[in-house]
Amino acid sequence: MEKVYFIGAGPGDPELLTLKGHRLIGEADVIIFAGSLVPEEVISHHKKEALIYNSAKLSLEEIVEIMVDAIQSGKRVVRVHTGDPAIFGAHREQMDLLDSYGIEYEVVPGVSSFLASAAALKKEFTLPEISQTVICTRIAGRTPVPEKESLESLATHRASMAIFLSVHMIGDVVKSLATSYPMATPIAVVQRASWADEKIVVGTLETIESKVKKAGISKTAQILVGDFLGNKCKKSKLYDKTFTHEFREGDYKK
């Protein structure tokens, strides 16, 4: 029996799809893709006879019904998610239902939008002595957030932070972050990272709300915040000529 492949399509640029994901899409008999977030170019190399479904208009039950019918007919199915399916991908509920039918599945990771956003900004989340922790989260909206994971609570760590699905509430985001981060903390908003129409807005907690509203950004954007966005950092030990490890001796010589 064939199985279902959950594929991370990456942030938007078709070239950021993994080689494995590209191959599986090309081999699939049935493709279900998140059409509101995944550009059709990502799946444009599909087989001519492949059946294509846009999940933007489908319910969970309808998606799984398509999968089950296809697998029981001996067809290979790929479910294409934006970014990486493990981050706000809602693929666990699909896998749970497939379990109830005894259908096997495999997950192929992808490039998340928070990584594509850091790349667009040419920044590193984990700078030595600045931040060694990255928090991926969202502000509470129609989907609630556990109280212990409120933005105010997470902000106390002053770590590098990537905030998903929240730019439409940028004022509330700033208010929550400002309970712990100084107002001079750098912050950036990247809309549609890696797409041709990518848009970047940078500022501080004090200025970002007005800049985002002026830019007309209200969805499909990452909010990155933390001192890693600044210009100060320490060099790592990884390539320090005086730092020894199993591959390099410490007695550096020119």
C-alpha atoms as a PDB file:
ATOM      1  CA  MET A   1       0.000   0.000   0.000  1.00  0.00           C
ATOM      2  CA  GLU A   2       1.211   3.528  -0.801  1.00  0.00           C
ATOM      3  CA  LYS A   3       1.508   6.171   1.905  1.00  0.00           C
ATOM      4  CA  VAL A   4       0.865   9.878   2.392  1.00  0.00           C
ATOM      5  CA  TYR A   5       3.812  12.281   2.313  1.00  0.00           C
ATOM      6  CA  PHE A   6       3.509  15.529   4.246  1.00  0.00           C
ATOM      7  CA  ILE A   7       5.932  17.920   2.564  1.00  0.00           C
ATOM      8  CA  GLY A   8       7.231  21.242   3.808  1.00  0.00           C
ATOM      9  CA  ALA A   9       7.096  23.457   0.711  1.00  0.00           C
ATOM     10  CA  GLY A  10       9.306  26.169   2.167  1.00  0.00           C
ATOM     11  CA  PRO A  11       8.459  29.871   2.529  1.00  0.00           C
ATOM     12  CA  GLY A  12       7.520  30.557  -1.095  1.00  0.00           C
ATOM     13  CA  ASP A  13      10.534  30.531  -3.384  1.00  0.00           C
ATOM     14  CA  PRO A  14      10.206  27.279  -5.392  1.00  0.00           C
ATOM     15  CA  GLU A  15      13.982  26.808  -5.231  1.00  0.00           C
ATOM     16  CA  LEU A  16      13.750  26.489  -1.445  1.00  0.00           C
ATOM     17  CA  LEU A  17      11.800  23.247  -1.764  1.00  0.00           C
ATOM     18  CA  THR A  18      13.998  20.316  -0.698  1.00  0.00           C
ATOM     19  CA  LEU A  19      15.228  17.868  -3.318  1.00  0.00           C
ATOM     20  CA  LYS A  20      13.241  15.086  -1.661  1.00  0.00           C
ATOM     21  CA  GLY A  21      10.085  17.162  -1.586  1.00  0.00           C
ATOM     22  CA  HIS A  22      10.556  18.100  -5.233  1.00  0.00           C
ATOM     23  CA  ARG A  23      10.975  14.467  -6.226  1.00  0.00           C
ATOM     24  CA  LEU A  24       7.924  13.264  -4.312  1.00  0.00           C
ATOM     25  CA  ILE A  25       5.709  15.988  -5.776  1.00  0.00           C
ATOM     26  CA  GLY A  26       6.860  14.966  -9.243  1.00  0.00           C
ATOM     27  CA  GLU A  27       5.994  11.314  -8.539  1.00  0.00           C
ATOM     28  CA  ALA A  28       2.623  11.905  -6.849  1.00  0.00           C
ATOM     29  CA  ASP A  29      -0.715  10.762  -8.208  1.00  0.00           C
ATOM     30  CA  VAL A  30      -2.654  13.080  -5.899  1.00  0.00           C
ATOM     31  CA  ILE A  31      -1.461  16.461  -4.601  1.00  0.00           C
ATOM     32  CA  ILE A  32      -3.218  18.438  -1.876  1.00  0.00           C
ATOM     33  CA  PHE A  33      -1.574  21.816  -1.380  1.00  0.00           C
ATOM     34  CA  ALA A  34      -2.233  24.858   0.777  1.00  0.00           C
ATOM     35  CA  GLY A  35      -3.078  27.128  -2.140  1.00  0.00           C
ATOM     36  CA  SER A  36      -3.489  30.277  -0.074  1.00  0.00           C
ATOM     37  CA  LEU A  37       0.166  30.125   1.022  1.00  0.00           C
ATOM     38  CA  VAL A  38       2.014  27.805  -1.358  1.00  0.00           C
ATOM     39  CA  PRO A  39       2.595  29.239  -4.853  1.00  0.00           C
ATOM     40  CA  GLU A  40       1.574  26.944  -7.701  1.00  0.00           C
ATOM     41  CA  GLU A  41       5.155  27.106  -9.035  1.00  0.00           C
ATOM     42  CA  VAL A  42       6.161  24.805  -6.175  1.00  0.00           C
ATOM     43  CA  ILE A  43       4.061  21.986  -7.635  1.00  0.00           C
ATOM     44  CA  SER A  44       4.289  22.952 -11.321  1.00  0.00           C
ATOM     45  CA  HIS A  45       6.461  19.922 -12.145  1.00  0.00           C
ATOM     46  CA  HIS A  46       3.692  17.463 -11.214  1.00  0.00           C
ATOM     47  CA  LYS A  47       2.709  14.612 -13.495  1.00  0.00           C
ATOM     48  CA  LYS A  48       0.276  15.587 -16.230  1.00  0.00           C
ATOM     49  CA  GLU A  49      -2.279  13.075 -14.969  1.00  0.00           C
ATOM     50  CA  ALA A  50      -1.930  14.006 -11.268  1.00  0.00           C
ATOM     51  CA  LEU A  51      -5.062  15.148  -9.456  1.00  0.00           C
ATOM     52  CA  ILE A  52      -4.571  18.538  -7.767  1.00  0.00           C
ATOM     53  CA  TYR A  53      -6.612  19.798  -4.801  1.00  0.00           C
ATOM     54  CA  ASN A  54      -6.387  23.218  -3.134  1.00  0.00           C
ATOM     55  CA  SER A  55      -6.932  22.675   0.591  1.00  0.00           C
ATOM     56  CA  ALA A  56      -7.813  26.350   1.179  1.00  0.00           C
ATOM     57  CA  LYS A  57     -11.446  25.497   0.479  1.00  0.00           C
ATOM     58  CA  LEU A  58     -11.501  22.080   2.160  1.00  0.00           C
ATOM     59  CA  SER A  59     -12.291  20.968   5.709  1.00  0.00           C
ATOM     60  CA  LEU A  60     -10.108  18.546   7.662  1.00  0.00           C
ATOM     61  CA  GLU A  61     -12.527  15.712   6.984  1.00  0.00           C
ATOM     62  CA  GLU A  62     -12.637  16.443   3.243  1.00  0.00           C
ATOM     63  CA  ILE A  63      -8.829  16.511   3.044  1.00  0.00           C
ATOM     64  CA  VAL A  64      -8.485  13.187   4.806  1.00  0.00           C
ATOM     65  CA  GLU A  65     -11.269  11.634   2.722  1.00  0.00           C
ATOM     66  CA  ILE A  66      -9.332  12.492  -0.448  1.00  0.00           C
ATOM     67  CA  MET A  67      -6.196  10.945   1.057  1.00  0.00           C
ATOM     68  CA  VAL A  68      -7.938   7.761   2.169  1.00  0.00           C
ATOM     69  CA  ASP A  69      -9.747   7.212  -1.145  1.00  0.00           C
ATOM     70  CA  ALA A  70      -6.505   7.740  -3.072  1.00  0.00           C
ATOM     71  CA  ILE A  71      -4.401   5.444  -0.887  1.00  0.00           C
ATOM     72  CA  GLN A  72      -7.030   2.714  -0.985  1.00  0.00           C
ATOM     73  CA  SER A  73      -6.912   2.985  -4.786  1.00  0.00           C
ATOM     74  CA  GLY A  74      -3.161   2.413  -4.747  1.00  0.00           C
ATOM     75  CA  LYS A  75      -2.205   6.031  -5.473  1.00  0.00           C
ATOM     76  CA  ARG A  76       0.658   8.037  -4.000  1.00  0.00           C
ATOM     77  CA  VAL A  77      -0.460  11.155  -2.116  1.00  0.00           C
ATOM     78  CA  VAL A  78       1.495  14.264  -1.163  1.00  0.00           C
ATOM     79  CA  ARG A  79       0.135  16.880   1.202  1.00  0.00           C
ATOM     80  CA  VAL A  80       2.042  20.109   0.613  1.00  0.00           C
ATOM     81  CA  HIS A  81       2.260  22.503   3.556  1.00  0.00           C
ATOM     82  CA  THR A  82       3.812  25.952   3.655  1.00  0.00           C
ATOM     83  CA  GLY A  83       7.179  26.335   5.392  1.00  0.00           C
ATOM     84  CA  ASP A  84       7.769  23.344   7.640  1.00  0.00           C
ATOM     85  CA  PRO A  85       4.650  21.384   8.632  1.00  0.00           C
ATOM     86  CA  ALA A  86       5.873  20.987  12.225  1.00  0.00           C
ATOM     87  CA  ILE A  87       5.441  24.732  12.917  1.00  0.00           C
ATOM     88  CA  PHE A  88       1.813  25.913  12.861  1.00  0.00           C
ATOM     89  CA  GLY A  89       1.208  23.327  10.154  1.00  0.00           C
ATOM     90  CA  ALA A  90      -1.888  21.593  11.575  1.00  0.00           C
ATOM     91  CA  HIS A  91      -0.718  18.253  10.216  1.00  0.00           C
ATOM     92  CA  ARG A  92      -0.951  16.361  13.515  1.00  0.00           C
ATOM     93  CA  GLU A  93      -4.738  16.229  13.267  1.00  0.00           C
ATOM     94  CA  GLN A  94      -4.467  14.815   9.742  1.00  0.00           C
ATOM     95  CA  MET A  95      -1.991  12.153  10.875  1.00  0.00           C
ATOM     96  CA  ASP A  96      -4.222  11.194  13.789  1.00  0.00           C
ATOM     97  CA  LEU A  97      -7.102  10.526  11.399  1.00  0.00           C
ATOM     98  CA  LEU A  98      -4.848   8.571   9.041  1.00  0.00           C
ATOM     99  CA  ASP A  99      -3.838   6.440  12.025  1.00  0.00           C
ATOM    100  CA  SER A 100      -7.480   5.543  12.532  1.00  0.00           C
ATOM    101  CA  TYR A 101      -7.567   4.199   8.966  1.00  0.00           C
ATOM    102  CA  GLY A 102      -4.273   2.352   9.363  1.00  0.00           C
ATOM    103  CA  ILE A 103      -2.655   4.452   6.649  1.00  0.00           C
ATOM    104  CA  GLU A 104       1.084   5.095   6.780  1.00  0.00           C
ATOM    105  CA  TYR A 105       2.613   8.541   6.291  1.00  0.00           C
ATOM    106  CA  GLU A 106       5.966  10.267   6.222  1.00  0.00           C
ATOM    107  CA  VAL A 107       6.939  13.863   6.953  1.00  0.00           C
ATOM    108  CA  VAL A 108       9.475  15.697   4.788  1.00  0.00           C
ATOM    109  CA  PRO A 109      10.743  18.874   6.507  1.00  0.00           C
ATOM    110  CA  GLY A 110      10.943  22.249   4.826  1.00  0.00           C
ATOM    111  CA  VAL A 111      12.400  25.739   5.295  1.00  0.00           C
ATOM    112  CA  SER A 112      10.264  27.696   7.747  1.00  0.00           C
ATOM    113  CA  SER A 113       9.335  31.319   7.091  1.00  0.00           C
ATOM    114  CA  PHE A 114      11.084  32.432  10.273  1.00  0.00           C
ATOM    115  CA  LEU A 115      14.366  31.150   8.839  1.00  0.00           C
ATOM    116  CA  ALA A 116      13.672  32.717   5.448  1.00  0.00           C
ATOM    117  CA  SER A 117      12.959  35.994   7.230  1.00  0.00           C
ATOM    118  CA  ALA A 118      16.284  35.897   9.063  1.00  0.00           C
ATOM    119  CA  ALA A 119      17.966  35.187   5.737  1.00  0.00           C
ATOM    120  CA  ALA A 120      16.203  38.147   4.111  1.00  0.00           C
ATOM    121  CA  LEU A 121      17.491  40.367   6.918  1.00  0.00           C
ATOM    122  CA  LYS A 122      20.951  38.748   6.777  1.00  0.00           C
ATOM    123  CA  LYS A 123      20.805  38.165  10.538  1.00  0.00           C
ATOM    124  CA  GLU A 124      21.734  35.291  12.871  1.00  0.00           C
ATOM    125  CA  PHE A 125      19.358  34.373  15.690  1.00  0.00           C
ATOM    126  CA  THR A 126      22.053  32.859  17.908  1.00  0.00           C
ATOM    127  CA  LEU A 127      24.823  35.414  18.376  1.00  0.00           C
ATOM    128  CA  PRO A 128      27.466  34.610  21.034  1.00  0.00           C
ATOM    129  CA  GLU A 129      26.830  36.476  24.302  1.00  0.00           C
ATOM    130  CA  ILE A 130      23.762  38.153  22.772  1.00  0.00           C
ATOM    131  CA  SER A 131      21.256  35.300  22.434  1.00  0.00           C
ATOM    132  CA  GLN A 132      21.511  31.537  22.290  1.00  0.00           C
ATOM    133  CA  THR A 133      17.784  30.868  22.357  1.00  0.00           C
ATOM    134  CA  VAL A 134      15.114  31.254  19.691  1.00  0.00           C
ATOM    135  CA  ILE A 135      11.434  31.364  20.624  1.00  0.00           C
ATOM    136  CA  CYS A 136       8.821  30.668  17.942  1.00  0.00           C
ATOM    137  CA  THR A 137       5.382  31.744  19.055  1.00  0.00           C
ATOM    138  CA  ARG A 138       2.249  33.734  18.241  1.00  0.00           C
ATOM    139  CA  ILE A 139      -0.052  36.128  20.037  1.00  0.00           C
ATOM    140  CA  ALA A 140      -3.475  34.904  21.090  1.00  0.00           C
ATOM    141  CA  GLY A 141      -6.237  35.610  18.581  1.00  0.00           C
ATOM    142  CA  ARG A 142      -9.002  33.384  17.272  1.00  0.00           C
ATOM    143  CA  THR A 143      -6.687  30.527  18.254  1.00  0.00           C
ATOM    144  CA  PRO A 144      -5.934  30.787  21.994  1.00  0.00           C
ATOM    145  CA  VAL A 145      -2.456  30.501  23.484  1.00  0.00           C
ATOM    146  CA  PRO A 146      -1.816  28.673  26.794  1.00  0.00           C
ATOM    147  CA  GLU A 147      -1.557  31.234  29.619  1.00  0.00           C
ATOM    148  CA  LYS A 148       1.955  30.063  30.523  1.00  0.00           C
ATOM    149  CA  GLU A 149       3.016  30.865  26.931  1.00  0.00           C
ATOM    150  CA  SER A 150       1.662  34.396  26.807  1.00  0.00           C
ATOM    151  CA  LEU A 151       3.836  36.858  24.911  1.00  0.00           C
ATOM    152  CA  GLU A 152       4.374  38.802  28.132  1.00  0.00           C
ATOM    153  CA  SER A 153       5.698  35.672  29.839  1.00  0.00           C
ATOM    154  CA  LEU A 154       7.997  34.717  26.972  1.00  0.00           C
ATOM    155  CA  ALA A 155       9.284  38.286  26.671  1.00  0.00           C
ATOM    156  CA  THR A 156      10.869  38.054  30.120  1.00  0.00           C
ATOM    157  CA  HIS A 157      13.597  35.868  28.617  1.00  0.00           C
ATOM    158  CA  ARG A 158      14.673  38.647  26.222  1.00  0.00           C
ATOM    159  CA  ALA A 159      15.623  35.893  23.764  1.00  0.00           C
ATOM    160  CA  SER A 160      15.570  36.086  19.967  1.00  0.00           C
ATOM    161  CA  MET A 161      11.933  35.742  19.021  1.00  0.00           C
ATOM    162  CA  ALA A 162       9.998  34.883  15.856  1.00  0.00           C
ATOM    163  CA  ILE A 163       6.318  35.721  16.103  1.00  0.00           C
ATOM    164  CA  PHE A 164       3.995  34.044  13.612  1.00  0.00           C
ATOM    165  CA  LEU A 165       0.441  34.880  12.560  1.00  0.00           C
ATOM    166  CA  SER A 166       0.303  38.119  14.538  1.00  0.00           C
ATOM    167  CA  VAL A 167       1.171  41.097  12.338  1.00  0.00           C
ATOM    168  CA  HIS A 168      -2.495  42.110  12.095  1.00  0.00           C
ATOM    169  CA  MET A 169      -2.267  42.728  15.851  1.00  0.00           C
ATOM    170  CA  ILE A 170       1.069  44.532  15.784  1.00  0.00           C
ATOM    171  CA  GLY A 171      -0.078  47.061  18.395  1.00  0.00           C
ATOM    172  CA  ASP A 172      -0.901  44.305  20.880  1.00  0.00           C
ATOM    173  CA  VAL A 173       2.387  42.558  20.051  1.00  0.00           C
ATOM    174  CA  VAL A 174       4.390  45.695  20.838  1.00  0.00           C
ATOM    175  CA  LYS A 175       2.438  46.275  24.047  1.00  0.00           C
ATOM    176  CA  SER A 176       3.150  42.727  25.233  1.00  0.00           C
ATOM    177  CA  LEU A 177       6.838  42.786  24.298  1.00  0.00           C
ATOM    178  CA  ALA A 178       7.354  46.174  25.939  1.00  0.00           C
ATOM    179  CA  THR A 179       6.644  44.651  29.347  1.00  0.00           C
ATOM    180  CA  SER A 180      10.217  43.273  29.270  1.00  0.00           C
ATOM    181  CA  TYR A 181      12.078  44.451  26.155  1.00  0.00           C
ATOM    182  CA  PRO A 182      13.267  48.090  26.142  1.00  0.00           C
ATOM    183  CA  MET A 183      11.464  50.299  23.633  1.00  0.00           C
ATOM    184  CA  ALA A 184      14.778  50.722  21.783  1.00  0.00           C
ATOM    185  CA  THR A 185      14.915  46.972  21.049  1.00  0.00           C
ATOM    186  CA  PRO A 186      15.257  46.331  17.305  1.00  0.00           C
ATOM    187  CA  ILE A 187      12.348  44.616  15.571  1.00  0.00           C
ATOM    188  CA  ALA A 188      11.651  43.658  11.977  1.00  0.00           C
ATOM    189  CA  VAL A 189       8.621  42.582   9.985  1.00  0.00           C
ATOM    190  CA  VAL A 190       9.129  40.508   6.850  1.00  0.00           C
ATOM    191  CA  GLN A 191       6.129  39.941   4.626  1.00  0.00           C
ATOM    192  CA  ARG A 192       6.168  37.003   2.190  1.00  0.00           C
ATOM    193  CA  ALA A 193       9.809  36.149   2.829  1.00  0.00           C
ATOM    194  CA  SER A 194      11.542  34.784  -0.312  1.00  0.00           C
ATOM    195  CA  TRP A 195       8.619  35.714  -2.618  1.00  0.00           C
ATOM    196  CA  ALA A 196       9.171  38.118  -5.514  1.00  0.00           C
ATOM    197  CA  ASP A 197       7.101  40.754  -3.688  1.00  0.00           C
ATOM    198  CA  GLU A 198       8.871  40.323  -0.339  1.00  0.00           C
ATOM    199  CA  LYS A 199       8.583  43.405   1.864  1.00  0.00           C
ATOM    200  CA  ILE A 200      10.814  44.283   4.852  1.00  0.00           C
ATOM    201  CA  VAL A 201      10.148  46.863   7.549  1.00  0.00           C
ATOM    202  CA  VAL A 202      12.670  47.469  10.336  1.00  0.00           C
ATOM    203  CA  GLY A 203      12.501  49.667  13.399  1.00  0.00           C
ATOM    204  CA  THR A 204      12.308  49.547  17.166  1.00  0.00           C
ATOM    205  CA  LEU A 205       9.476  48.670  19.501  1.00  0.00           C
ATOM    206  CA  GLU A 206       8.775  52.378  19.632  1.00  0.00           C
ATOM    207  CA  THR A 207       8.446  52.867  15.872  1.00  0.00           C
ATOM    208  CA  ILE A 208       7.454  49.546  14.310  1.00  0.00           C
ATOM    209  CA  GLU A 209       3.671  49.794  14.648  1.00  0.00           C
ATOM    210  CA  SER A 210       3.410  53.001  12.640  1.00  0.00           C
ATOM    211  CA  LYS A 211       5.898  51.725  10.045  1.00  0.00           C
ATOM    212  CA  VAL A 212       3.996  48.469   9.537  1.00  0.00           C
ATOM    213  CA  LYS A 213       0.680  50.263   9.153  1.00  0.00           C
ATOM    214  CA  LYS A 214       2.222  52.734   6.720  1.00  0.00           C
ATOM    215  CA  ALA A 215       3.580  49.809   4.668  1.00  0.00           C
ATOM    216  CA  GLY A 216       0.103  48.249   4.571  1.00  0.00           C
ATOM    217  CA  ILE A 217       1.224  44.922   6.030  1.00  0.00           C
ATOM    218  CA  SER A 218      -1.606  43.038   7.707  1.00  0.00           C
ATOM    219  CA  LYS A 219      -0.987  39.349   6.958  1.00  0.00           C
ATOM    220  CA  THR A 220       1.517  36.732   5.720  1.00  0.00           C
ATOM    221  CA  ALA A 221       4.386  38.223   7.708  1.00  0.00           C
ATOM    222  CA  GLN A 222       6.924  37.293  10.339  1.00  0.00           C
ATOM    223  CA  ILE A 223       7.759  39.528  13.291  1.00  0.00           C
ATOM    224  CA  LEU A 224      11.344  39.110  14.495  1.00  0.00           C
ATOM    225  CA  VAL A 225      12.490  40.834  17.671  1.00  0.00           C
ATOM    226  CA  GLY A 226      15.607  40.846  19.818  1.00  0.00           C
ATOM    227  CA  ASP A 227      19.102  42.205  20.165  1.00  0.00           C
ATOM    228  CA  PHE A 228      20.309  39.781  17.489  1.00  0.00           C
ATOM    229  CA  LEU A 229      18.939  42.314  15.008  1.00  0.00           C
ATOM    230  CA  GLY A 230      21.378  44.935  16.277  1.00  0.00           C
ATOM    231  CA  ASN A 231      24.917  45.623  15.143  1.00  0.00           C
ATOM    232  CA  LYS A 232      26.790  44.414  18.234  1.00  0.00           C
ATOM    233  CA  CYS A 233      28.021  40.862  18.691  1.00  0.00           C
ATOM    234  CA  LYS A 234      30.942  38.764  19.891  1.00  0.00           C
ATOM    235  CA  LYS A 235      32.913  36.397  17.680  1.00  0.00           C
ATOM    236  CA  SER A 236      32.152  32.715  18.102  1.00  0.00           C
ATOM    237  CA  LYS A 237      34.625  30.197  19.515  1.00  0.00           C
ATOM    238  CA  LEU A 238      34.044  27.919  16.543  1.00  0.00           C
ATOM    239  CA  TYR A 239      36.692  29.555  14.380  1.00  0.00           C
ATOM    240  CA  ASP A 240      38.746  31.233  17.102  1.00  0.00           C
ATOM    241  CA  LYS A 241      42.394  30.390  16.388  1.00  0.00           C
ATOM    242  CA  THR A 242      43.108  29.981  20.112  1.00  0.00           C
ATOM    243  CA  PHE A 243      40.153  27.657  20.715  1.00  0.00           C
ATOM    244  CA  THR A 244      40.974  23.946  20.491  1.00  0.00           C
ATOM    245  CA  HIS A 245      38.713  21.084  19.576  1.00  0.00           C
ATOM    246  CA  GLU A 246      39.057  17.608  18.093  1.00  0.00           C
ATOM    247  CA  PHE A 247      39.656  18.936  14.579  1.00  0.00           C
ATOM    248  CA  ARG A 248      41.992  21.824  15.371  1.00  0.00           C
ATOM    249  CA  GLU A 249      44.933  22.388  17.670  1.00  0.00           C
ATOM    250  CA  GLY A 250      45.213  25.620  19.589  1.00  0.00           C
ATOM    251  CA  ASP A 251      48.766  26.549  18.681  1.00  0.00           C
ATOM    252  CA  TYR A 252      47.803  28.639  15.678  1.00  0.00           C
ATOM    253  CA  LYS A 253      50.566  29.408  13.170  1.00  0.00           C
ATOM    254  CA  LYS A 254      50.364  31.610  10.113  1.00  0.00           C
END
